[in-house]
Amino acid sequence: MNFDTVFKKFTAMAELDGEQANRWKYLVYESIADIKDIIIPDYDSRRYRHRVTTAAAALAFYRYRKLICANGELTGIKAGDLTVNDNKASLDQAYSVYCDALMAIGDLIMTDEMIFGRTESFVQRRNYRCD
């Protein structure tokens, strides 16, 4: 899996650029490794490249959102002196992006729960859920 491709997708999802994005490279490396760990070893990397790199980027994006919400770095809507941060909505959106990407590689996941509808429980077992 190509790091630059995954990193570019991650930065687009997170709407980051330059130095902002570089701060989070480690999340991309970790997410690539985690996605590689759960997919079958003999998958056709040329055929499924887009889906697999998107899943790694989406996992990095979800982890990024969890960290910025936990650190209070999430910016919200500002109107005059009032700022509203909705961390739950932000995490839910990132989780949805990740689940969609994971569902797209469901046929490549190396688990006893390779059935499409059960991928959700696989995600929860792997502690990728913040609830």
N, C-alpha and C. Protein backbone atom coordinates (compact mmCIF):
# COMPACT_ATOMS: atom_id res chain seq x y z
N MET A 1 0.85 -1.17 0.00
CA MET A 1 0.00 0.00 0.00
C MET A 1 0.91 1.24 0.00
N ASN A 2 0.60 2.16 -0.84
CA ASN A 2 1.43 3.35 -1.01
C ASN A 2 1.09 4.41 0.03
N PHE A 3 2.08 4.78 0.85
CA PHE A 3 1.87 5.77 1.91
C PHE A 3 1.38 7.10 1.34
N ASP A 4 2.00 7.58 0.28
CA ASP A 4 1.64 8.90 -0.26
C ASP A 4 0.18 8.95 -0.71
N THR A 5 -0.30 7.86 -1.29
CA THR A 5 -1.69 7.80 -1.73
C THR A 5 -2.63 7.85 -0.54
N VAL A 6 -2.33 7.06 0.49
CA VAL A 6 -3.17 7.04 1.69
C VAL A 6 -3.11 8.40 2.38
N PHE A 7 -1.93 8.98 2.47
CA PHE A 7 -1.76 10.28 3.13
C PHE A 7 -2.54 11.37 2.40
N LYS A 8 -2.51 11.34 1.10
CA LYS A 8 -3.26 12.33 0.32
C LYS A 8 -4.77 12.20 0.57
N LYS A 9 -5.27 10.98 0.62
CA LYS A 9 -6.69 10.76 0.89
C LYS A 9 -7.04 11.22 2.31
N PHE A 10 -6.17 10.89 3.26
CA PHE A 10 -6.40 11.31 4.64
C PHE A 10 -6.47 12.83 4.75
N THR A 11 -5.51 13.53 4.14
CA THR A 11 -5.49 14.99 4.25
C THR A 11 -6.73 15.61 3.60
N ALA A 12 -7.23 14.99 2.55
CA ALA A 12 -8.46 15.48 1.92
C ALA A 12 -9.65 15.28 2.85
N MET A 13 -9.73 14.10 3.47
CA MET A 13 -10.84 13.82 4.40
C MET A 13 -10.81 14.78 5.59
N ALA A 14 -9.62 15.00 6.12
CA ALA A 14 -9.47 15.83 7.32
C ALA A 14 -9.36 17.32 6.99
N GLU A 15 -9.32 17.65 5.71
CA GLU A 15 -9.18 19.03 5.26
C GLU A 15 -7.96 19.70 5.88
N LEU A 16 -6.82 19.00 5.79
CA LEU A 16 -5.56 19.49 6.31
C LEU A 16 -4.60 19.77 5.17
N ASP A 17 -3.65 20.66 5.42
CA ASP A 17 -2.62 20.90 4.40
C ASP A 17 -1.29 21.18 5.08
N GLY A 18 -0.23 21.00 4.32
CA GLY A 18 1.12 21.35 4.76
C GLY A 18 1.52 20.85 6.12
N GLU A 19 1.95 21.77 6.96
CA GLU A 19 2.46 21.44 8.29
C GLU A 19 1.40 20.82 9.17
N GLN A 20 0.15 21.24 9.01
CA GLN A 20 -0.95 20.64 9.77
C GLN A 20 -1.00 19.14 9.52
N ALA A 21 -0.91 18.75 8.28
CA ALA A 21 -1.03 17.34 7.90
C ALA A 21 0.17 16.54 8.38
N ASN A 22 1.36 17.10 8.29
CA ASN A 22 2.57 16.37 8.68
C ASN A 22 2.54 15.93 10.14
N ARG A 23 1.87 16.70 10.97
CA ARG A 23 1.75 16.37 12.39
C ARG A 23 1.08 15.02 12.62
N TRP A 24 0.26 14.57 11.65
CA TRP A 24 -0.55 13.37 11.82
C TRP A 24 -0.08 12.19 10.97
N LYS A 25 1.11 12.28 10.40
CA LYS A 25 1.61 11.19 9.55
C LYS A 25 1.63 9.85 10.28
N TYR A 26 1.98 9.88 11.54
CA TYR A 26 2.05 8.63 12.29
C TYR A 26 0.73 7.88 12.30
N LEU A 27 -0.40 8.61 12.30
CA LEU A 27 -1.71 7.96 12.24
C LEU A 27 -1.89 7.20 10.94
N VAL A 28 -1.38 7.77 9.86
CA VAL A 28 -1.48 7.11 8.56
C VAL A 28 -0.63 5.84 8.54
N TYR A 29 0.59 5.92 9.04
CA TYR A 29 1.44 4.72 9.12
C TYR A 29 0.77 3.63 9.94
N GLU A 30 0.24 3.98 11.10
CA GLU A 30 -0.41 3.00 11.96
C GLU A 30 -1.66 2.41 11.30
N SER A 31 -2.42 3.24 10.63
CA SER A 31 -3.64 2.78 9.98
C SER A 31 -3.35 1.87 8.81
N ILE A 32 -2.31 2.17 8.05
CA ILE A 32 -1.89 1.28 6.96
C ILE A 32 -1.54 -0.08 7.53
N ALA A 33 -0.76 -0.10 8.60
CA ALA A 33 -0.36 -1.37 9.22
C ALA A 33 -1.58 -2.14 9.72
N ASP A 34 -2.53 -1.44 10.34
CA ASP A 34 -3.71 -2.12 10.86
C ASP A 34 -4.60 -2.68 9.75
N ILE A 35 -4.76 -1.95 8.68
CA ILE A 35 -5.55 -2.46 7.56
C ILE A 35 -4.84 -3.65 6.92
N LYS A 36 -3.53 -3.57 6.76
CA LYS A 36 -2.77 -4.71 6.22
C LYS A 36 -2.95 -5.95 7.09
N ASP A 37 -3.03 -5.76 8.40
CA ASP A 37 -3.18 -6.88 9.33
C ASP A 37 -4.52 -7.59 9.20
N ILE A 38 -5.55 -6.89 8.75
CA ILE A 38 -6.88 -7.52 8.73
C ILE A 38 -7.31 -8.01 7.35
N ILE A 39 -6.55 -7.68 6.31
CA ILE A 39 -6.97 -8.14 4.98
C ILE A 39 -6.21 -9.41 4.60
N ILE A 40 -6.83 -10.17 3.72
CA ILE A 40 -6.22 -11.43 3.29
C ILE A 40 -4.89 -11.12 2.60
N PRO A 41 -3.89 -11.97 2.83
CA PRO A 41 -2.55 -11.67 2.32
C PRO A 41 -2.43 -11.73 0.80
N ASP A 42 -3.26 -12.51 0.15
CA ASP A 42 -3.10 -12.70 -1.30
C ASP A 42 -4.13 -11.93 -2.13
N TYR A 43 -4.61 -10.80 -1.61
CA TYR A 43 -5.59 -10.02 -2.38
C TYR A 43 -4.90 -9.39 -3.59
N ASP A 44 -5.68 -9.10 -4.62
CA ASP A 44 -5.16 -8.49 -5.85
C ASP A 44 -4.98 -6.99 -5.59
N SER A 45 -3.75 -6.59 -5.27
CA SER A 45 -3.49 -5.20 -4.86
C SER A 45 -3.77 -4.19 -5.97
N ARG A 46 -3.62 -4.59 -7.21
CA ARG A 46 -3.93 -3.66 -8.30
C ARG A 46 -5.43 -3.45 -8.44
N ARG A 47 -6.17 -4.54 -8.32
CA ARG A 47 -7.62 -4.48 -8.50
C ARG A 47 -8.30 -3.73 -7.34
N TYR A 48 -7.83 -3.96 -6.12
CA TYR A 48 -8.50 -3.43 -4.95
C TYR A 48 -7.76 -2.26 -4.29
N ARG A 49 -6.76 -1.75 -4.96
CA ARG A 49 -5.92 -0.67 -4.42
C ARG A 49 -6.75 0.50 -3.89
N HIS A 50 -7.70 0.97 -4.68
CA HIS A 50 -8.48 2.14 -4.28
C HIS A 50 -9.25 1.88 -2.98
N ARG A 51 -9.93 0.75 -2.90
CA ARG A 51 -10.72 0.45 -1.71
C ARG A 51 -9.86 0.29 -0.46
N VAL A 52 -8.71 -0.37 -0.61
CA VAL A 52 -7.85 -0.62 0.54
C VAL A 52 -7.19 0.67 1.01
N THR A 53 -6.73 1.50 0.09
CA THR A 53 -6.12 2.77 0.51
C THR A 53 -7.15 3.71 1.12
N THR A 54 -8.36 3.67 0.61
CA THR A 54 -9.43 4.48 1.20
C THR A 54 -9.75 4.02 2.61
N ALA A 55 -9.76 2.71 2.83
CA ALA A 55 -10.01 2.20 4.19
C ALA A 55 -8.93 2.64 5.16
N ALA A 56 -7.68 2.59 4.74
CA ALA A 56 -6.57 3.03 5.61
C ALA A 56 -6.68 4.52 5.89
N ALA A 57 -7.00 5.31 4.88
CA ALA A 57 -7.15 6.76 5.08
C ALA A 57 -8.33 7.06 5.99
N ALA A 58 -9.43 6.33 5.82
CA ALA A 58 -10.61 6.55 6.65
C ALA A 58 -10.35 6.18 8.11
N LEU A 59 -9.58 5.12 8.34
CA LEU A 59 -9.21 4.76 9.71
C LEU A 59 -8.34 5.85 10.32
N ALA A 60 -7.40 6.36 9.57
CA ALA A 60 -6.55 7.46 10.05
C ALA A 60 -7.41 8.69 10.35
N PHE A 61 -8.38 8.97 9.49
CA PHE A 61 -9.28 10.11 9.68
C PHE A 61 -10.09 9.95 10.96
N TYR A 62 -10.62 8.77 11.19
CA TYR A 62 -11.41 8.51 12.40
C TYR A 62 -10.53 8.67 13.64
N ARG A 63 -9.33 8.13 13.61
CA ARG A 63 -8.42 8.27 14.74
C ARG A 63 -8.03 9.74 14.97
N TYR A 64 -7.83 10.45 13.89
CA TYR A 64 -7.51 11.88 13.96
C TYR A 64 -8.64 12.63 14.67
N ARG A 65 -9.87 12.37 14.23
CA ARG A 65 -11.01 13.06 14.84
C ARG A 65 -11.14 12.71 16.33
N LYS A 66 -10.92 11.45 16.68
CA LYS A 66 -10.98 11.06 18.09
C LYS A 66 -9.95 11.84 18.90
N LEU A 67 -8.76 11.97 18.37
CA LEU A 67 -7.70 12.67 19.10
C LEU A 67 -7.96 14.17 19.22
N ILE A 68 -8.41 14.79 18.15
CA ILE A 68 -8.65 16.24 18.26
C ILE A 68 -9.84 16.54 19.15
N CYS A 69 -10.82 15.65 19.15
CA CYS A 69 -11.95 15.85 20.06
C CYS A 69 -11.52 15.65 21.50
N ALA A 70 -10.71 14.64 21.75
CA ALA A 70 -10.23 14.36 23.11
C ALA A 70 -9.34 15.50 23.63
N ASN A 71 -8.59 16.11 22.72
CA ASN A 71 -7.68 17.20 23.12
C ASN A 71 -8.34 18.57 23.10
N GLY A 72 -9.61 18.62 22.72
CA GLY A 72 -10.31 19.89 22.67
C GLY A 72 -9.88 20.80 21.53
N GLU A 73 -9.29 20.20 20.49
CA GLU A 73 -8.78 20.99 19.37
C GLU A 73 -9.79 21.20 18.25
N LEU A 74 -10.95 20.59 18.37
CA LEU A 74 -11.95 20.70 17.31
C LEU A 74 -12.53 22.10 17.29
N THR A 75 -12.54 22.72 16.13
CA THR A 75 -13.16 24.03 16.01
C THR A 75 -14.61 23.85 15.61
N GLY A 76 -15.43 24.75 16.03
CA GLY A 76 -16.85 24.63 15.76
C GLY A 76 -17.38 25.82 14.99
N ILE A 77 -18.65 26.03 15.13
CA ILE A 77 -19.33 27.14 14.47
C ILE A 77 -19.21 28.36 15.37
N LYS A 78 -18.80 29.47 14.81
CA LYS A 78 -18.64 30.69 15.61
C LYS A 78 -19.58 31.76 15.07
N ALA A 79 -20.36 32.33 15.97
CA ALA A 79 -21.26 33.43 15.63
C ALA A 79 -21.10 34.49 16.71
N GLY A 80 -20.37 35.53 16.38
CA GLY A 80 -20.10 36.56 17.36
C GLY A 80 -19.23 36.03 18.48
N ASP A 81 -19.73 36.11 19.72
CA ASP A 81 -19.00 35.61 20.88
C ASP A 81 -19.33 34.16 21.21
N LEU A 82 -20.22 33.56 20.45
CA LEU A 82 -20.67 32.21 20.72
C LEU A 82 -19.98 31.21 19.79
N THR A 83 -19.38 30.17 20.36
CA THR A 83 -18.78 29.09 19.58
C THR A 83 -19.42 27.78 20.01
N VAL A 84 -19.85 26.98 19.04
CA VAL A 84 -20.48 25.70 19.32
C VAL A 84 -19.63 24.60 18.71
N ASN A 85 -19.14 23.70 19.57
CA ASN A 85 -18.40 22.53 19.13
C ASN A 85 -19.29 21.31 19.30
N ASP A 86 -19.40 20.50 18.28
CA ASP A 86 -20.20 19.30 18.38
C ASP A 86 -19.30 18.10 18.15
N ASN A 87 -18.60 17.68 19.20
CA ASN A 87 -17.68 16.57 19.09
C ASN A 87 -18.36 15.28 18.70
N LYS A 88 -19.54 15.01 19.25
CA LYS A 88 -20.24 13.76 18.93
C LYS A 88 -20.58 13.70 17.45
N ALA A 89 -21.07 14.77 16.89
CA ALA A 89 -21.40 14.79 15.46
C ALA A 89 -20.13 14.60 14.62
N SER A 90 -19.05 15.22 15.05
CA SER A 90 -17.78 15.09 14.33
C SER A 90 -17.29 13.65 14.35
N LEU A 91 -17.34 13.02 15.52
CA LEU A 91 -16.92 11.62 15.63
C LEU A 91 -17.85 10.70 14.86
N ASP A 92 -19.14 10.97 14.93
CA ASP A 92 -20.10 10.14 14.20
C ASP A 92 -19.86 10.20 12.70
N GLN A 93 -19.56 11.39 12.20
CA GLN A 93 -19.28 11.54 10.78
C GLN A 93 -18.03 10.78 10.38
N ALA A 94 -16.97 10.91 11.17
CA ALA A 94 -15.72 10.21 10.89
C ALA A 94 -15.91 8.70 10.98
N TYR A 95 -16.68 8.26 11.96
CA TYR A 95 -16.94 6.83 12.11
C TYR A 95 -17.74 6.30 10.93
N SER A 96 -18.69 7.07 10.45
CA SER A 96 -19.48 6.67 9.30
C SER A 96 -18.61 6.52 8.05
N VAL A 97 -17.70 7.47 7.85
CA VAL A 97 -16.76 7.41 6.71
C VAL A 97 -15.93 6.14 6.83
N TYR A 98 -15.41 5.88 8.03
CA TYR A 98 -14.60 4.68 8.25
C TYR A 98 -15.39 3.41 8.01
N CYS A 99 -16.60 3.32 8.56
CA CYS A 99 -17.42 2.11 8.38
C CYS A 99 -17.75 1.88 6.91
N ASP A 100 -18.07 2.93 6.18
CA ASP A 100 -18.34 2.79 4.75
C ASP A 100 -17.13 2.21 4.02
N ALA A 101 -15.95 2.74 4.36
CA ALA A 101 -14.72 2.25 3.72
C ALA A 101 -14.42 0.81 4.13
N LEU A 102 -14.67 0.48 5.38
CA LEU A 102 -14.44 -0.88 5.86
C LEU A 102 -15.42 -1.85 5.20
N MET A 103 -16.65 -1.44 5.05
CA MET A 103 -17.64 -2.28 4.37
C MET A 103 -17.21 -2.55 2.93
N ALA A 104 -16.57 -1.57 2.31
CA ALA A 104 -16.14 -1.72 0.92
C ALA A 104 -15.03 -2.77 0.78
N ILE A 105 -14.30 -3.03 1.86
CA ILE A 105 -13.27 -4.08 1.79
C ILE A 105 -13.70 -5.33 2.57
N GLY A 106 -14.97 -5.42 2.89
CA GLY A 106 -15.48 -6.55 3.67
C GLY A 106 -15.11 -7.90 3.08
N ASP A 107 -15.08 -7.98 1.76
CA ASP A 107 -14.73 -9.24 1.11
C ASP A 107 -13.25 -9.56 1.22
N LEU A 108 -12.43 -8.61 1.65
CA LEU A 108 -10.99 -8.81 1.78
C LEU A 108 -10.56 -9.00 3.24
N ILE A 109 -11.49 -8.83 4.17
CA ILE A 109 -11.13 -8.92 5.59
C ILE A 109 -10.93 -10.38 5.98
N MET A 110 -9.83 -10.63 6.65
CA MET A 110 -9.44 -11.96 7.07
C MET A 110 -9.99 -12.20 8.47
N THR A 111 -11.19 -12.74 8.53
CA THR A 111 -11.84 -13.00 9.80
C THR A 111 -12.91 -14.05 9.61
N ASP A 112 -13.39 -14.61 10.69
CA ASP A 112 -14.49 -15.55 10.59
C ASP A 112 -15.81 -14.83 10.35
N GLU A 113 -15.79 -13.50 10.39
CA GLU A 113 -17.00 -12.71 10.16
C GLU A 113 -16.89 -11.92 8.87
N MET A 114 -16.55 -12.59 7.79
CA MET A 114 -16.37 -11.90 6.51
C MET A 114 -17.69 -11.54 5.85
N ILE A 115 -18.79 -11.89 6.48
CA ILE A 115 -20.10 -11.54 5.94
C ILE A 115 -20.29 -10.03 6.06
N PHE A 116 -20.74 -9.41 5.00
CA PHE A 116 -20.86 -7.96 4.92
C PHE A 116 -21.57 -7.36 6.11
N GLY A 117 -22.68 -7.88 6.51
CA GLY A 117 -23.48 -7.32 7.59
C GLY A 117 -22.85 -7.43 8.96
N ARG A 118 -21.86 -8.28 9.12
CA ARG A 118 -21.23 -8.46 10.41
C ARG A 118 -19.97 -7.64 10.58
N THR A 119 -19.59 -6.89 9.60
CA THR A 119 -18.38 -6.09 9.70
C THR A 119 -18.48 -5.10 10.85
N GLU A 120 -19.65 -4.59 11.14
CA GLU A 120 -19.86 -3.65 12.25
C GLU A 120 -19.39 -4.26 13.57
N SER A 121 -19.76 -5.52 13.84
CA SER A 121 -19.35 -6.13 15.09
C SER A 121 -17.84 -6.37 15.11
N PHE A 122 -17.26 -6.63 13.96
CA PHE A 122 -15.81 -6.78 13.87
C PHE A 122 -15.13 -5.47 14.27
N VAL A 123 -15.64 -4.37 13.79
CA VAL A 123 -15.09 -3.06 14.12
C VAL A 123 -15.18 -2.82 15.62
N GLN A 124 -16.29 -3.13 16.21
CA GLN A 124 -16.47 -2.91 17.64
C GLN A 124 -15.55 -3.82 18.46
N ARG A 125 -15.37 -5.06 18.03
CA ARG A 125 -14.47 -5.97 18.74
C ARG A 125 -13.04 -5.46 18.70
N ARG A 126 -12.66 -4.79 17.63
CA ARG A 126 -11.30 -4.28 17.49
C ARG A 126 -11.14 -2.93 18.20
N ASN A 127 -12.16 -2.49 18.92
CA ASN A 127 -12.12 -1.25 19.70
C ASN A 127 -11.91 -0.01 18.83
N TYR A 128 -12.48 0.00 17.65
CA TYR A 128 -12.42 1.18 16.80
C TYR A 128 -13.62 2.08 17.04
N ARG A 129 -14.45 1.73 17.97
CA ARG A 129 -15.64 2.51 18.31
C ARG A 129 -15.35 3.32 19.57
N CYS A 130 -15.80 4.56 19.62
CA CYS A 130 -15.47 5.42 20.76
C CYS A 130 -16.55 5.43 21.82
N ASP A 131 -17.65 4.75 21.61
CA ASP A 131 -18.75 4.75 22.60
C ASP A 131 -18.37 4.09 23.89
